[in-house]
Amino acid sequence: MSKCKSFAPAINENSKILILGSMPGIKSLEETHYYAHPQNRFWKVMSVLCNTDMVSMDYQTRIQTLLDNNFALWDVIKSCKREGSLDSAIENEKPNNIKALLKKYPNIETIYLNGNKAYSAFKKHFPDYLPLCRKMPSTSPANARFQLESLLKEWNIL
């Protein structure tokens, strides 16, 4: 079982929408980039929402594009033990300090939770903030129930 730690948040004072995942997968942890697995649809979805091709951008440009469009990105879980990349394998989760983040960045209006594990961990650790939240279908390739077109339809609410 491997020890996993999330990254620092990608956020600035103009961010209005916070997107929270659960914990980066193996490929993302190796590259220290959010959503680094080529089959994860997150950057394709955000390309549509930001009206620009983020898939072909380098990572730092992707993050800057998110910030320029008032998005912020982080994870609910700060650390955990997990074998592989599946959320269902997460054990001993410790949450990030989302309460402090929201206090530091008061412009955050809405929190979107990328998948069931992000939602359940958020609900467990931050129940007072649930009224700010909306659970979204996971962009992970493991979420085979949602094809890209269906994901785009759901995520278009952002």
N, C-alpha and C. Protein backbone atom coordinates (compact mmCIF):
# COMPACT_ATOMS: atom_id res chain seq x y z
N MET A 1 0.85 -1.18 0.00
CA MET A 1 0.00 0.00 0.00
C MET A 1 0.90 1.24 0.00
N SER A 2 0.65 2.15 -0.92
CA SER A 2 1.47 3.36 -1.07
C SER A 2 0.86 4.53 -0.33
N LYS A 3 1.72 5.39 0.20
CA LYS A 3 1.29 6.64 0.82
C LYS A 3 1.17 7.68 -0.29
N CYS A 4 0.02 8.35 -0.36
CA CYS A 4 -0.24 9.35 -1.40
C CYS A 4 -0.48 10.70 -0.74
N LYS A 5 0.05 11.76 -1.36
CA LYS A 5 -0.16 13.12 -0.87
C LYS A 5 -0.59 14.00 -2.04
N SER A 6 -1.59 14.83 -1.78
CA SER A 6 -2.09 15.71 -2.83
C SER A 6 -1.15 16.90 -3.03
N PHE A 7 -1.45 17.68 -4.03
CA PHE A 7 -0.64 18.84 -4.39
C PHE A 7 -1.20 20.10 -3.74
N ALA A 8 -0.47 21.18 -3.89
CA ALA A 8 -0.97 22.48 -3.44
C ALA A 8 -2.15 22.89 -4.33
N PRO A 9 -3.05 23.70 -3.81
CA PRO A 9 -4.17 24.15 -4.65
C PRO A 9 -3.71 25.09 -5.75
N ALA A 10 -4.41 25.05 -6.87
CA ALA A 10 -4.24 26.02 -7.94
C ALA A 10 -5.39 27.01 -7.77
N ILE A 11 -5.10 28.19 -7.26
CA ILE A 11 -6.14 29.14 -6.90
C ILE A 11 -5.54 30.54 -6.87
N ASN A 12 -6.38 31.54 -7.08
CA ASN A 12 -5.96 32.93 -6.87
C ASN A 12 -7.14 33.73 -6.36
N GLU A 13 -6.92 35.02 -6.13
CA GLU A 13 -7.95 35.87 -5.52
C GLU A 13 -9.16 36.07 -6.43
N ASN A 14 -9.06 35.77 -7.71
CA ASN A 14 -10.19 35.91 -8.63
C ASN A 14 -11.02 34.64 -8.78
N SER A 15 -10.56 33.54 -8.20
CA SER A 15 -11.26 32.26 -8.35
C SER A 15 -12.64 32.33 -7.71
N LYS A 16 -13.64 31.85 -8.46
CA LYS A 16 -15.02 31.82 -7.98
C LYS A 16 -15.57 30.41 -7.88
N ILE A 17 -15.00 29.50 -8.66
CA ILE A 17 -15.46 28.12 -8.69
C ILE A 17 -14.30 27.21 -8.31
N LEU A 18 -14.50 26.42 -7.26
CA LEU A 18 -13.49 25.48 -6.80
C LEU A 18 -13.89 24.08 -7.24
N ILE A 19 -13.02 23.43 -7.99
CA ILE A 19 -13.23 22.04 -8.41
C ILE A 19 -12.34 21.17 -7.54
N LEU A 20 -12.97 20.22 -6.84
CA LEU A 20 -12.23 19.33 -5.95
C LEU A 20 -12.30 17.89 -6.45
N GLY A 21 -11.15 17.28 -6.62
CA GLY A 21 -11.08 15.86 -6.87
C GLY A 21 -10.92 15.14 -5.55
N SER A 22 -10.67 13.85 -5.60
CA SER A 22 -10.45 13.08 -4.37
C SER A 22 -8.96 13.08 -4.04
N MET A 23 -8.18 12.37 -4.85
CA MET A 23 -6.73 12.24 -4.69
C MET A 23 -6.16 11.94 -6.06
N PRO A 24 -5.07 12.60 -6.46
CA PRO A 24 -4.49 12.31 -7.78
C PRO A 24 -4.13 10.83 -7.93
N GLY A 25 -4.30 10.32 -9.14
CA GLY A 25 -3.93 8.95 -9.45
C GLY A 25 -2.42 8.80 -9.59
N ILE A 26 -1.97 7.58 -9.82
CA ILE A 26 -0.54 7.26 -9.90
C ILE A 26 0.16 8.13 -10.94
N LYS A 27 -0.38 8.22 -12.14
CA LYS A 27 0.25 9.01 -13.21
C LYS A 27 0.38 10.47 -12.80
N SER A 28 -0.66 11.02 -12.20
CA SER A 28 -0.62 12.41 -11.75
C SER A 28 0.41 12.60 -10.64
N LEU A 29 0.46 11.66 -9.70
CA LEU A 29 1.44 11.74 -8.62
C LEU A 29 2.87 11.67 -9.16
N GLU A 30 3.09 10.80 -10.16
CA GLU A 30 4.42 10.68 -10.78
C GLU A 30 4.83 11.99 -11.45
N GLU A 31 3.90 12.63 -12.12
CA GLU A 31 4.21 13.85 -12.88
C GLU A 31 4.00 15.13 -12.07
N THR A 32 3.42 14.99 -10.89
CA THR A 32 3.01 16.13 -10.04
C THR A 32 2.16 17.13 -10.82
N HIS A 33 1.25 16.59 -11.62
CA HIS A 33 0.29 17.38 -12.40
C HIS A 33 -1.10 16.82 -12.17
N TYR A 34 -2.05 17.69 -11.94
CA TYR A 34 -3.43 17.24 -11.84
C TYR A 34 -3.90 16.65 -13.17
N TYR A 35 -4.62 15.55 -13.07
CA TYR A 35 -5.26 14.89 -14.22
C TYR A 35 -4.26 14.61 -15.36
N ALA A 36 -3.13 14.00 -15.00
CA ALA A 36 -2.07 13.71 -15.97
C ALA A 36 -2.34 12.47 -16.82
N HIS A 37 -3.20 11.58 -16.36
CA HIS A 37 -3.47 10.37 -17.15
C HIS A 37 -4.12 10.79 -18.47
N PRO A 38 -3.57 10.35 -19.60
CA PRO A 38 -4.07 10.80 -20.91
C PRO A 38 -5.53 10.42 -21.18
N GLN A 39 -6.06 9.40 -20.48
CA GLN A 39 -7.44 9.02 -20.71
C GLN A 39 -8.43 9.71 -19.78
N ASN A 40 -7.92 10.47 -18.81
CA ASN A 40 -8.82 11.24 -17.97
C ASN A 40 -9.38 12.38 -18.82
N ARG A 41 -10.68 12.59 -18.72
CA ARG A 41 -11.34 13.58 -19.60
C ARG A 41 -11.41 14.98 -19.01
N PHE A 42 -10.77 15.22 -17.86
CA PHE A 42 -10.88 16.52 -17.20
C PHE A 42 -10.47 17.67 -18.12
N TRP A 43 -9.31 17.57 -18.75
CA TRP A 43 -8.83 18.69 -19.59
C TRP A 43 -9.67 18.86 -20.84
N LYS A 44 -10.27 17.78 -21.34
CA LYS A 44 -11.19 17.91 -22.48
C LYS A 44 -12.45 18.66 -22.05
N VAL A 45 -12.96 18.33 -20.88
CA VAL A 45 -14.15 19.01 -20.36
C VAL A 45 -13.84 20.48 -20.12
N MET A 46 -12.71 20.76 -19.49
CA MET A 46 -12.36 22.15 -19.20
C MET A 46 -12.06 22.93 -20.48
N SER A 47 -11.60 22.27 -21.51
CA SER A 47 -11.39 22.93 -22.80
C SER A 47 -12.70 23.52 -23.32
N VAL A 48 -13.76 22.75 -23.20
CA VAL A 48 -15.07 23.22 -23.65
C VAL A 48 -15.54 24.37 -22.75
N LEU A 49 -15.40 24.21 -21.44
CA LEU A 49 -15.87 25.24 -20.51
C LEU A 49 -15.08 26.54 -20.63
N CYS A 50 -13.80 26.43 -20.94
CA CYS A 50 -12.95 27.62 -21.07
C CYS A 50 -12.83 28.10 -22.52
N ASN A 51 -13.48 27.37 -23.43
CA ASN A 51 -13.50 27.73 -24.85
C ASN A 51 -12.10 27.86 -25.46
N THR A 52 -11.23 26.91 -25.10
CA THR A 52 -9.88 26.87 -25.66
C THR A 52 -9.34 25.45 -25.54
N ASP A 53 -8.44 25.06 -26.43
CA ASP A 53 -7.90 23.70 -26.44
C ASP A 53 -6.83 23.55 -25.35
N MET A 54 -7.25 23.10 -24.19
CA MET A 54 -6.32 22.94 -23.08
C MET A 54 -5.54 21.62 -23.18
N VAL A 55 -6.04 20.68 -23.94
CA VAL A 55 -5.38 19.37 -24.07
C VAL A 55 -3.99 19.52 -24.67
N SER A 56 -3.83 20.42 -25.63
CA SER A 56 -2.54 20.58 -26.30
C SER A 56 -1.59 21.53 -25.55
N MET A 57 -2.05 22.12 -24.47
CA MET A 57 -1.21 23.06 -23.71
C MET A 57 -0.27 22.31 -22.76
N ASP A 58 0.83 22.97 -22.40
CA ASP A 58 1.66 22.43 -21.33
C ASP A 58 0.91 22.64 -20.00
N TYR A 59 1.36 21.95 -18.98
CA TYR A 59 0.63 21.94 -17.71
C TYR A 59 0.48 23.32 -17.10
N GLN A 60 1.55 24.10 -17.05
CA GLN A 60 1.47 25.42 -16.42
C GLN A 60 0.49 26.33 -17.16
N THR A 61 0.42 26.22 -18.47
CA THR A 61 -0.53 27.01 -19.25
C THR A 61 -1.96 26.55 -18.97
N ARG A 62 -2.15 25.26 -18.80
CA ARG A 62 -3.48 24.74 -18.44
C ARG A 62 -3.95 25.36 -17.11
N ILE A 63 -3.06 25.32 -16.13
CA ILE A 63 -3.41 25.87 -14.81
C ILE A 63 -3.70 27.37 -14.92
N GLN A 64 -2.87 28.09 -15.65
CA GLN A 64 -3.10 29.53 -15.80
C GLN A 64 -4.41 29.81 -16.51
N THR A 65 -4.76 28.98 -17.49
CA THR A 65 -6.03 29.14 -18.20
C THR A 65 -7.20 28.92 -17.25
N LEU A 66 -7.10 27.91 -16.39
CA LEU A 66 -8.14 27.71 -15.38
C LEU A 66 -8.30 28.95 -14.51
N LEU A 67 -7.18 29.44 -14.02
CA LEU A 67 -7.21 30.63 -13.15
C LEU A 67 -7.76 31.85 -13.88
N ASP A 68 -7.38 32.00 -15.14
CA ASP A 68 -7.87 33.13 -15.94
C ASP A 68 -9.39 33.06 -16.15
N ASN A 69 -9.93 31.87 -16.04
CA ASN A 69 -11.38 31.67 -16.19
C ASN A 69 -12.09 31.53 -14.85
N ASN A 70 -11.44 31.97 -13.79
CA ASN A 70 -12.00 32.02 -12.43
C ASN A 70 -12.23 30.66 -11.79
N PHE A 71 -11.54 29.64 -12.26
CA PHE A 71 -11.61 28.32 -11.66
C PHE A 71 -10.43 28.13 -10.69
N ALA A 72 -10.63 27.30 -9.71
CA ALA A 72 -9.57 26.85 -8.81
C ALA A 72 -9.63 25.32 -8.77
N LEU A 73 -8.52 24.70 -8.41
CA LEU A 73 -8.43 23.24 -8.47
C LEU A 73 -7.66 22.73 -7.26
N TRP A 74 -8.24 21.70 -6.61
CA TRP A 74 -7.57 21.08 -5.47
C TRP A 74 -8.19 19.71 -5.24
N ASP A 75 -7.85 19.08 -4.13
CA ASP A 75 -8.40 17.78 -3.76
C ASP A 75 -8.97 17.83 -2.36
N VAL A 76 -9.97 17.03 -2.10
CA VAL A 76 -10.55 16.93 -0.77
C VAL A 76 -9.55 16.26 0.17
N ILE A 77 -8.87 15.24 -0.32
CA ILE A 77 -7.98 14.43 0.52
C ILE A 77 -6.55 14.94 0.42
N LYS A 78 -5.97 15.19 1.59
CA LYS A 78 -4.57 15.64 1.67
C LYS A 78 -3.61 14.47 1.57
N SER A 79 -3.93 13.37 2.27
CA SER A 79 -3.08 12.19 2.23
C SER A 79 -3.93 10.94 2.50
N CYS A 80 -3.42 9.83 2.02
CA CYS A 80 -4.10 8.55 2.22
C CYS A 80 -3.14 7.43 1.89
N LYS A 81 -3.60 6.22 2.10
CA LYS A 81 -2.89 5.03 1.62
C LYS A 81 -3.76 4.44 0.53
N ARG A 82 -3.12 4.01 -0.54
CA ARG A 82 -3.88 3.46 -1.66
C ARG A 82 -2.96 2.61 -2.52
N GLU A 83 -3.47 1.49 -2.96
CA GLU A 83 -2.79 0.66 -3.94
C GLU A 83 -3.43 0.94 -5.28
N GLY A 84 -2.67 1.37 -6.25
CA GLY A 84 -3.22 1.72 -7.56
C GLY A 84 -3.82 3.11 -7.55
N SER A 85 -4.72 3.36 -8.49
CA SER A 85 -5.30 4.70 -8.66
C SER A 85 -6.78 4.80 -8.34
N LEU A 86 -7.42 3.67 -8.08
CA LEU A 86 -8.87 3.69 -7.88
C LEU A 86 -9.25 4.34 -6.55
N ASP A 87 -10.26 5.19 -6.61
CA ASP A 87 -10.77 5.82 -5.39
C ASP A 87 -11.27 4.79 -4.38
N SER A 88 -11.79 3.69 -4.87
CA SER A 88 -12.32 2.65 -3.98
C SER A 88 -11.23 2.01 -3.12
N ALA A 89 -9.96 2.20 -3.49
CA ALA A 89 -8.85 1.62 -2.73
C ALA A 89 -8.29 2.59 -1.68
N ILE A 90 -8.84 3.79 -1.58
CA ILE A 90 -8.34 4.78 -0.63
C ILE A 90 -8.63 4.35 0.80
N GLU A 91 -7.60 4.41 1.64
CA GLU A 91 -7.71 4.10 3.06
C GLU A 91 -7.01 5.18 3.87
N ASN A 92 -7.40 5.31 5.13
CA ASN A 92 -6.76 6.24 6.07
C ASN A 92 -6.67 7.66 5.51
N GLU A 93 -7.76 8.15 4.96
CA GLU A 93 -7.74 9.48 4.36
C GLU A 93 -7.67 10.58 5.42
N LYS A 94 -6.91 11.59 5.11
CA LYS A 94 -6.82 12.81 5.92
C LYS A 94 -7.20 13.97 4.99
N PRO A 95 -8.10 14.86 5.41
CA PRO A 95 -8.56 15.92 4.51
C PRO A 95 -7.60 17.10 4.40
N ASN A 96 -7.67 17.77 3.27
CA ASN A 96 -7.02 19.07 3.14
C ASN A 96 -7.80 20.07 3.98
N ASN A 97 -7.19 21.20 4.29
CA ASN A 97 -7.85 22.22 5.09
C ASN A 97 -8.67 23.14 4.19
N ILE A 98 -9.77 22.63 3.72
CA ILE A 98 -10.63 23.37 2.81
C ILE A 98 -11.28 24.56 3.51
N LYS A 99 -11.58 24.40 4.77
CA LYS A 99 -12.17 25.51 5.53
C LYS A 99 -11.23 26.73 5.51
N ALA A 100 -9.94 26.51 5.76
CA ALA A 100 -8.97 27.61 5.73
C ALA A 100 -8.84 28.20 4.33
N LEU A 101 -8.88 27.33 3.30
CA LEU A 101 -8.79 27.81 1.92
C LEU A 101 -9.96 28.74 1.59
N LEU A 102 -11.16 28.34 1.99
CA LEU A 102 -12.35 29.16 1.71
C LEU A 102 -12.31 30.47 2.48
N LYS A 103 -11.72 30.46 3.64
CA LYS A 103 -11.58 31.69 4.42
C LYS A 103 -10.57 32.63 3.76
N LYS A 104 -9.48 32.05 3.25
CA LYS A 104 -8.43 32.85 2.59
C LYS A 104 -8.90 33.40 1.24
N TYR A 105 -9.78 32.66 0.56
CA TYR A 105 -10.27 33.04 -0.77
C TYR A 105 -11.79 33.17 -0.72
N PRO A 106 -12.29 34.27 -0.20
CA PRO A 106 -13.73 34.43 0.01
C PRO A 106 -14.54 34.59 -1.27
N ASN A 107 -13.89 34.75 -2.42
CA ASN A 107 -14.63 34.88 -3.68
C ASN A 107 -15.18 33.55 -4.18
N ILE A 108 -14.75 32.42 -3.58
CA ILE A 108 -15.29 31.12 -4.00
C ILE A 108 -16.78 31.09 -3.70
N GLU A 109 -17.57 30.89 -4.75
CA GLU A 109 -19.03 30.88 -4.64
C GLU A 109 -19.60 29.47 -4.65
N THR A 110 -18.95 28.58 -5.40
CA THR A 110 -19.48 27.23 -5.59
C THR A 110 -18.33 26.24 -5.60
N ILE A 111 -18.61 25.05 -5.10
CA ILE A 111 -17.64 23.96 -5.10
C ILE A 111 -18.23 22.81 -5.92
N TYR A 112 -17.48 22.35 -6.90
CA TYR A 112 -17.89 21.21 -7.71
C TYR A 112 -16.98 20.04 -7.36
N LEU A 113 -17.60 18.91 -7.02
CA LEU A 113 -16.88 17.73 -6.58
C LEU A 113 -16.81 16.72 -7.72
N ASN A 114 -15.59 16.42 -8.15
CA ASN A 114 -15.35 15.57 -9.31
C ASN A 114 -15.42 14.10 -8.89
N GLY A 115 -16.63 13.56 -8.88
CA GLY A 115 -16.83 12.14 -8.64
C GLY A 115 -17.36 11.81 -7.25
N ASN A 116 -17.76 10.55 -7.10
CA ASN A 116 -18.39 10.08 -5.87
C ASN A 116 -17.46 10.13 -4.66
N LYS A 117 -16.20 9.76 -4.82
CA LYS A 117 -15.28 9.75 -3.69
C LYS A 117 -15.01 11.18 -3.21
N ALA A 118 -14.83 12.11 -4.12
CA ALA A 118 -14.64 13.51 -3.71
C ALA A 118 -15.85 13.97 -2.92
N TYR A 119 -17.04 13.60 -3.38
CA TYR A 119 -18.27 13.99 -2.70
C TYR A 119 -18.37 13.35 -1.31
N SER A 120 -18.14 12.05 -1.23
CA SER A 120 -18.31 11.37 0.06
C SER A 120 -17.26 11.84 1.07
N ALA A 121 -16.03 12.07 0.63
CA ALA A 121 -15.00 12.57 1.54
C ALA A 121 -15.32 13.99 1.99
N PHE A 122 -15.81 14.82 1.08
CA PHE A 122 -16.18 16.20 1.42
C PHE A 122 -17.34 16.19 2.42
N LYS A 123 -18.32 15.38 2.15
CA LYS A 123 -19.49 15.27 3.03
C LYS A 123 -19.09 14.83 4.44
N LYS A 124 -18.15 13.90 4.50
CA LYS A 124 -17.67 13.38 5.78
C LYS A 124 -16.90 14.44 6.58
N HIS A 125 -16.02 15.17 5.90
CA HIS A 125 -15.11 16.09 6.59
C HIS A 125 -15.60 17.54 6.66
N PHE A 126 -16.49 17.93 5.75
CA PHE A 126 -16.92 19.33 5.67
C PHE A 126 -18.43 19.46 5.48
N PRO A 127 -19.23 18.82 6.32
CA PRO A 127 -20.69 18.83 6.11
C PRO A 127 -21.30 20.23 6.13
N ASP A 128 -20.70 21.16 6.84
CA ASP A 128 -21.25 22.52 6.91
C ASP A 128 -21.20 23.25 5.57
N TYR A 129 -20.33 22.78 4.67
CA TYR A 129 -20.16 23.45 3.38
C TYR A 129 -20.94 22.78 2.25
N LEU A 130 -21.68 21.74 2.56
CA LEU A 130 -22.44 21.04 1.51
C LEU A 130 -23.38 21.94 0.71
N PRO A 131 -24.00 22.96 1.32
CA PRO A 131 -24.86 23.83 0.52
C PRO A 131 -24.14 24.56 -0.62
N LEU A 132 -22.82 24.69 -0.54
CA LEU A 132 -22.04 25.33 -1.60
C LEU A 132 -21.69 24.36 -2.72
N CYS A 133 -21.99 23.08 -2.52
CA CYS A 133 -21.45 22.02 -3.38
C CYS A 133 -22.44 21.44 -4.38
N ARG A 134 -21.82 20.89 -5.41
CA ARG A 134 -22.56 20.09 -6.38
C ARG A 134 -21.67 18.92 -6.78
N LYS A 135 -22.22 17.72 -6.69
CA LYS A 135 -21.49 16.52 -7.10
C LYS A 135 -21.58 16.38 -8.62
N MET A 136 -20.43 16.16 -9.24
CA MET A 136 -20.35 16.00 -10.69
C MET A 136 -19.90 14.57 -11.01
N PRO A 137 -20.28 14.07 -12.18
CA PRO A 137 -19.77 12.75 -12.58
C PRO A 137 -18.26 12.83 -12.79
N SER A 138 -17.58 11.80 -12.36
CA SER A 138 -16.12 11.77 -12.44
C SER A 138 -15.64 11.81 -13.90
N THR A 139 -14.55 12.53 -14.09
CA THR A 139 -13.92 12.58 -15.41
C THR A 139 -12.94 11.42 -15.61
N SER A 140 -12.78 10.59 -14.60
CA SER A 140 -11.85 9.47 -14.65
C SER A 140 -12.23 8.48 -15.75
N PRO A 141 -11.22 7.85 -16.37
CA PRO A 141 -11.53 6.81 -17.35
C PRO A 141 -12.23 5.61 -16.70
N ALA A 142 -12.11 5.47 -15.39
CA ALA A 142 -12.80 4.38 -14.69
C ALA A 142 -14.32 4.59 -14.69
N ASN A 143 -14.76 5.81 -14.93
CA ASN A 143 -16.20 6.11 -14.99
C ASN A 143 -16.69 5.87 -16.42
N ALA A 144 -16.74 4.62 -16.80
CA ALA A 144 -17.10 4.25 -18.18
C ALA A 144 -18.58 4.50 -18.48
N ARG A 145 -19.38 4.69 -17.44
CA ARG A 145 -20.80 4.94 -17.65
C ARG A 145 -21.04 6.26 -18.39
N PHE A 146 -20.15 7.19 -18.20
CA PHE A 146 -20.28 8.50 -18.84
C PHE A 146 -19.30 8.64 -19.98
N GLN A 147 -19.83 8.70 -21.20
CA GLN A 147 -19.00 9.02 -22.35
C GLN A 147 -18.73 10.53 -22.32
N LEU A 148 -17.79 11.00 -23.12
CA LEU A 148 -17.39 12.41 -23.10
C LEU A 148 -18.59 13.33 -23.33
N GLU A 149 -19.44 12.99 -24.27
CA GLU A 149 -20.60 13.84 -24.57
C GLU A 149 -21.51 13.99 -23.35
N SER A 150 -21.72 12.90 -22.62
CA SER A 150 -22.55 12.95 -21.41
C SER A 150 -21.89 13.77 -20.32
N LEU A 151 -20.58 13.61 -20.18
CA LEU A 151 -19.84 14.41 -19.20
C LEU A 151 -19.97 15.90 -19.51
N LEU A 152 -19.80 16.24 -20.77
CA LEU A 152 -19.89 17.65 -21.17
C LEU A 152 -21.27 18.23 -20.87
N LYS A 153 -22.29 17.43 -21.09
CA LYS A 153 -23.64 17.89 -20.81
C LYS A 153 -23.81 18.19 -19.32
N GLU A 154 -23.30 17.30 -18.46
CA GLU A 154 -23.41 17.49 -17.02
C GLU A 154 -22.53 18.63 -16.52
N TRP A 155 -21.29 18.66 -16.98
CA TRP A 155 -20.33 19.67 -16.51
C TRP A 155 -20.62 21.07 -17.07
N ASN A 156 -21.42 21.15 -18.10
CA ASN A 156 -21.71 22.44 -18.73
C ASN A 156 -22.39 23.41 -17.76
N ILE A 157 -22.91 22.92 -16.65
CA ILE A 157 -23.53 23.78 -15.65
C ILE A 157 -22.53 24.79 -15.07
N LEU A 158 -21.26 24.43 -15.09
CA LEU A 158 -20.24 25.33 -14.57
C LEU A 158 -20.18 26.59 -15.39
